[in-house]
C-alpha atoms as a PDB file:
ATOM      1  CA  UNK A   1      92.856 101.221 112.540  1.00  0.00           C
ATOM      2  CA  UNK A   2      94.418 104.493 111.438  1.00  0.00           C
ATOM      3  CA  UNK A   3      98.211 104.607 111.323  1.00  0.00           C
ATOM      4  CA  UNK A   4     100.487 107.567 110.950  1.00  0.00           C
ATOM      5  CA  UNK A   5     102.860 108.020 108.014  1.00  0.00           C
ATOM      6  CA  UNK A   6     105.746 110.373 108.582  1.00  0.00           C
ATOM      7  CA  UNK A   7     107.318 112.011 105.531  1.00  0.00           C
ATOM      8  CA  UNK A   8     110.992 112.919 105.889  1.00  0.00           C
ATOM      9  CA  UNK A   9     112.538 114.707 102.880  1.00  0.00           C
ATOM     10  CA  UNK A  10     116.323 114.396 102.599  1.00  0.00           C
ATOM     11  CA  UNK A  11     118.485 116.873 100.689  1.00  0.00           C
ATOM     12  CA  UNK A  12     120.765 114.706  98.535  1.00  0.00           C
ATOM     13  CA  UNK A  13     123.497 117.359  98.374  1.00  0.00           C
ATOM     14  CA  UNK A  14     123.715 117.669 102.165  1.00  0.00           C
ATOM     15  CA  UNK A  15     123.225 114.014 103.156  1.00  0.00           C
ATOM     16  CA  UNK A  16     125.675 111.810 101.261  1.00  0.00           C
ATOM     17  CA  UNK A  17     125.880 109.316 104.141  1.00  0.00           C
ATOM     18  CA  UNK A  18     122.105 108.745 104.025  1.00  0.00           C
ATOM     19  CA  UNK A  19     122.252 108.159 100.257  1.00  0.00           C
ATOM     20  CA  UNK A  20     125.024 105.595 100.742  1.00  0.00           C
ATOM     21  CA  UNK A  21     123.273 103.873 103.655  1.00  0.00           C
ATOM     22  CA  UNK A  22     120.063 103.366 101.645  1.00  0.00           C
ATOM     23  CA  UNK A  23     121.859 102.787  98.312  1.00  0.00           C
ATOM     24  CA  UNK A  24     120.116 105.670  96.542  1.00  0.00           C
ATOM     25  CA  UNK A  25     121.388 105.982  92.969  1.00  0.00           C
ATOM     26  CA  UNK A  26     118.657 108.089  91.389  1.00  0.00           C
ATOM     27  CA  UNK A  27     116.810 111.222  92.368  1.00  0.00           C
ATOM     28  CA  UNK A  28     114.029 111.445  93.315  1.00  0.00           C
ATOM     29  CA  UNK A  29     113.855 108.207  95.289  1.00  0.00           C
ATOM     30  CA  UNK A  30     111.077 107.495  97.769  1.00  0.00           C
ATOM     31  CA  UNK A  31     111.797 104.729 100.275  1.00  0.00           C
ATOM     32  CA  UNK A  32     109.066 103.479 102.577  1.00  0.00           C
ATOM     33  CA  UNK A  33     110.082 102.008 105.924  1.00  0.00           C
ATOM     34  CA  UNK A  34     108.012  99.990 108.377  1.00  0.00           C
ATOM     35  CA  UNK A  35     109.551  99.330 111.800  1.00  0.00           C
ATOM     36  CA  UNK A  36     112.914 100.481 110.435  1.00  0.00           C
ATOM     37  CA  UNK A  37     112.858  97.968 107.560  1.00  0.00           C
ATOM     38  CA  UNK A  38     112.527  98.947 103.890  1.00  0.00           C
ATOM     39  CA  UNK A  39     109.193  97.748 102.487  1.00  0.00           C
ATOM     40  CA  UNK A  40     109.028  99.743  99.268  1.00  0.00           C
ATOM     41  CA  UNK A  41     111.089 101.890  96.930  1.00  0.00           C
ATOM     42  CA  UNK A  42     110.383 103.896  93.828  1.00  0.00           C
ATOM     43  CA  UNK A  43     112.908 105.895  91.836  1.00  0.00           C
ATOM     44  CA  UNK A  44     111.911 108.649  89.452  1.00  0.00           C
ATOM     45  CA  UNK A  45     109.079 111.119  89.431  1.00  0.00           C
ATOM     46  CA  UNK A  46     105.651 109.564  89.932  1.00  0.00           C
ATOM     47  CA  UNK A  47     102.101 110.794  89.643  1.00  0.00           C
ATOM     48  CA  UNK A  48     100.293 112.052  92.721  1.00  0.00           C
ATOM     49  CA  UNK A  49      98.079 108.959  92.503  1.00  0.00           C
ATOM     50  CA  UNK A  50     101.108 106.633  92.675  1.00  0.00           C
ATOM     51  CA  UNK A  51     102.513 108.428  95.722  1.00  0.00           C
ATOM     52  CA  UNK A  52      99.092 108.340  97.363  1.00  0.00           C
ATOM     53  CA  UNK A  53      98.834 104.586  96.680  1.00  0.00           C
ATOM     54  CA  UNK A  54     102.244 104.019  98.261  1.00  0.00           C
ATOM     55  CA  UNK A  55     101.514 105.968 101.413  1.00  0.00           C
ATOM     56  CA  UNK A  56      98.018 104.547 101.850  1.00  0.00           C
ATOM     57  CA  UNK A  57      99.392 101.005 101.608  1.00  0.00           C
ATOM     58  CA  UNK A  58     102.100 101.897 104.129  1.00  0.00           C
ATOM     59  CA  UNK A  59      99.557 103.410 106.536  1.00  0.00           C
ATOM     60  CA  UNK A  60      97.289 100.356 106.253  1.00  0.00           C
ATOM     61  CA  UNK A  61     100.134  97.904 106.817  1.00  0.00           C
ATOM     62  CA  UNK A  62      99.788  96.432 103.322  1.00  0.00           C
ATOM     63  CA  UNK A  63     102.494  95.636 100.770  1.00  0.00           C
ATOM     64  CA  UNK A  64     103.801  98.852  99.246  1.00  0.00           C
ATOM     65  CA  UNK A  65     103.740  98.722  95.440  1.00  0.00           C
ATOM     66  CA  UNK A  66     103.449 101.362  92.759  1.00  0.00           C
ATOM     67  CA  UNK A  67     101.535 100.025  89.766  1.00  0.00           C
ATOM     68  CA  UNK A  68     102.850 100.563  86.255  1.00  0.00           C
ATOM     69  CA  UNK A  69     100.900 103.051  84.210  1.00  0.00           C
ATOM     70  CA  UNK A  70      99.360 101.740  81.011  1.00  0.00           C
ATOM     71  CA  UNK A  71     101.743 103.956  79.029  1.00  0.00           C
ATOM     72  CA  UNK A  72     104.823 102.533  80.805  1.00  0.00           C
ATOM     73  CA  UNK A  73     103.563  98.983  80.302  1.00  0.00           C
ATOM     74  CA  UNK A  74     102.971  99.489  76.574  1.00  0.00           C
ATOM     75  CA  UNK A  75     106.285 101.323  76.133  1.00  0.00           C
ATOM     76  CA  UNK A  76     108.220  98.445  77.732  1.00  0.00           C
ATOM     77  CA  UNK A  77     106.347  95.786  75.778  1.00  0.00           C
ATOM     78  CA  UNK A  78     106.720  97.686  72.495  1.00  0.00           C
ATOM     79  CA  UNK A  79     110.420  98.434  72.954  1.00  0.00           C
ATOM     80  CA  UNK A  80     111.047  94.845  74.053  1.00  0.00           C
ATOM     81  CA  UNK A  81     109.232  93.508  70.999  1.00  0.00           C
ATOM     82  CA  UNK A  82     111.239  95.807  68.736  1.00  0.00           C
ATOM     83  CA  UNK A  83     114.529  94.632  70.276  1.00  0.00           C
ATOM     84  CA  UNK A  84     113.450  91.005  69.891  1.00  0.00           C
ATOM     85  CA  UNK A  85     112.609  91.516  66.212  1.00  0.00           C
ATOM     86  CA  UNK A  86     115.891  93.333  65.517  1.00  0.00           C
ATOM     87  CA  UNK A  87     117.829  90.661  67.408  1.00  0.00           C
ATOM     88  CA  UNK A  88     116.209  87.817  65.474  1.00  0.00           C
ATOM     89  CA  UNK A  89     116.591  89.548  62.103  1.00  0.00           C
ATOM     90  CA  UNK A  90     120.294  90.239  62.727  1.00  0.00           C
ATOM     91  CA  UNK A  91     120.924  86.893  64.460  1.00  0.00           C
ATOM     92  CA  UNK A  92     122.049  88.753  67.554  1.00  0.00           C
ATOM     93  CA  UNK A  93     120.728  86.733  70.453  1.00  0.00           C
ATOM     94  CA  UNK A  94     122.114  89.256  72.911  1.00  0.00           C
ATOM     95  CA  UNK A  95     119.846  91.976  71.494  1.00  0.00           C
ATOM     96  CA  UNK A  96     116.912  89.559  71.420  1.00  0.00           C
ATOM     97  CA  UNK A  97     117.621  88.610  75.040  1.00  0.00           C
ATOM     98  CA  UNK A  98     117.701  92.254  76.112  1.00  0.00           C
ATOM     99  CA  UNK A  99     114.379  92.682  74.314  1.00  0.00           C
ATOM    100  CA  UNK A 100     112.948  89.724  76.213  1.00  0.00           C
ATOM    101  CA  UNK A 101     114.032  91.220  79.531  1.00  0.00           C
ATOM    102  CA  UNK A 102     112.631  94.611  78.549  1.00  0.00           C
ATOM    103  CA  UNK A 103     109.306  93.071  77.518  1.00  0.00           C
ATOM    104  CA  UNK A 104     109.163  91.089  80.773  1.00  0.00           C
ATOM    105  CA  UNK A 105     109.575  94.364  82.684  1.00  0.00           C
ATOM    106  CA  UNK A 106     106.220  95.347  81.186  1.00  0.00           C
ATOM    107  CA  UNK A 107     104.381  92.348  82.661  1.00  0.00           C
ATOM    108  CA  UNK A 108     106.406  91.179  85.678  1.00  0.00           C
ATOM    109  CA  UNK A 109     103.944  92.671  88.176  1.00  0.00           C
ATOM    110  CA  UNK A 110     101.179  90.441  86.763  1.00  0.00           C
ATOM    111  CA  UNK A 111     103.248  87.244  86.464  1.00  0.00           C
ATOM    112  CA  UNK A 112     102.265  84.657  89.124  1.00  0.00           C
ATOM    113  CA  UNK A 113     105.579  82.797  88.831  1.00  0.00           C
ATOM    114  CA  UNK A 114     107.542  86.011  89.410  1.00  0.00           C
ATOM    115  CA  UNK A 115     105.328  86.886  92.385  1.00  0.00           C
ATOM    116  CA  UNK A 116     105.877  83.440  93.905  1.00  0.00           C
ATOM    117  CA  UNK A 117     109.659  83.644  93.459  1.00  0.00           C
ATOM    118  CA  UNK A 118     109.963  87.159  94.871  1.00  0.00           C
ATOM    119  CA  UNK A 119     107.676  86.177  97.749  1.00  0.00           C
ATOM    120  CA  UNK A 120     110.080  83.387  98.679  1.00  0.00           C
ATOM    121  CA  UNK A 121     113.046  85.783  98.703  1.00  0.00           C
ATOM    122  CA  UNK A 122     111.178  88.433 100.704  1.00  0.00           C
ATOM    123  CA  UNK A 123     110.438  85.945 103.470  1.00  0.00           C
ATOM    124  CA  UNK A 124     114.112  84.969 103.802  1.00  0.00           C
END
């Protein structure tokens, strides 16, 4: 079954009310809607492949997700590890905790516990 995807660019300077309605805080932001309900969002410039993945998933009725690039994953894990090491060496558990969150952002899309928890919230 082939479905149609309609692309509607919005000028942020001319459409403040749209930005507020969809809680857009960064530009560019791409929001995917299915039956008027938000099913995906990505903020920041993406590769053509990531945009294509988003729109193909939307057209096929699948879950809309943009995978992390290997560079982004390694950057998050490396920066998180560095923060953890600095936090432990300076006995600053706040810095270590921020490092743990940052490192988790590099693997959250592969974590089965995270997927189960977010799946529960999406259904509600």
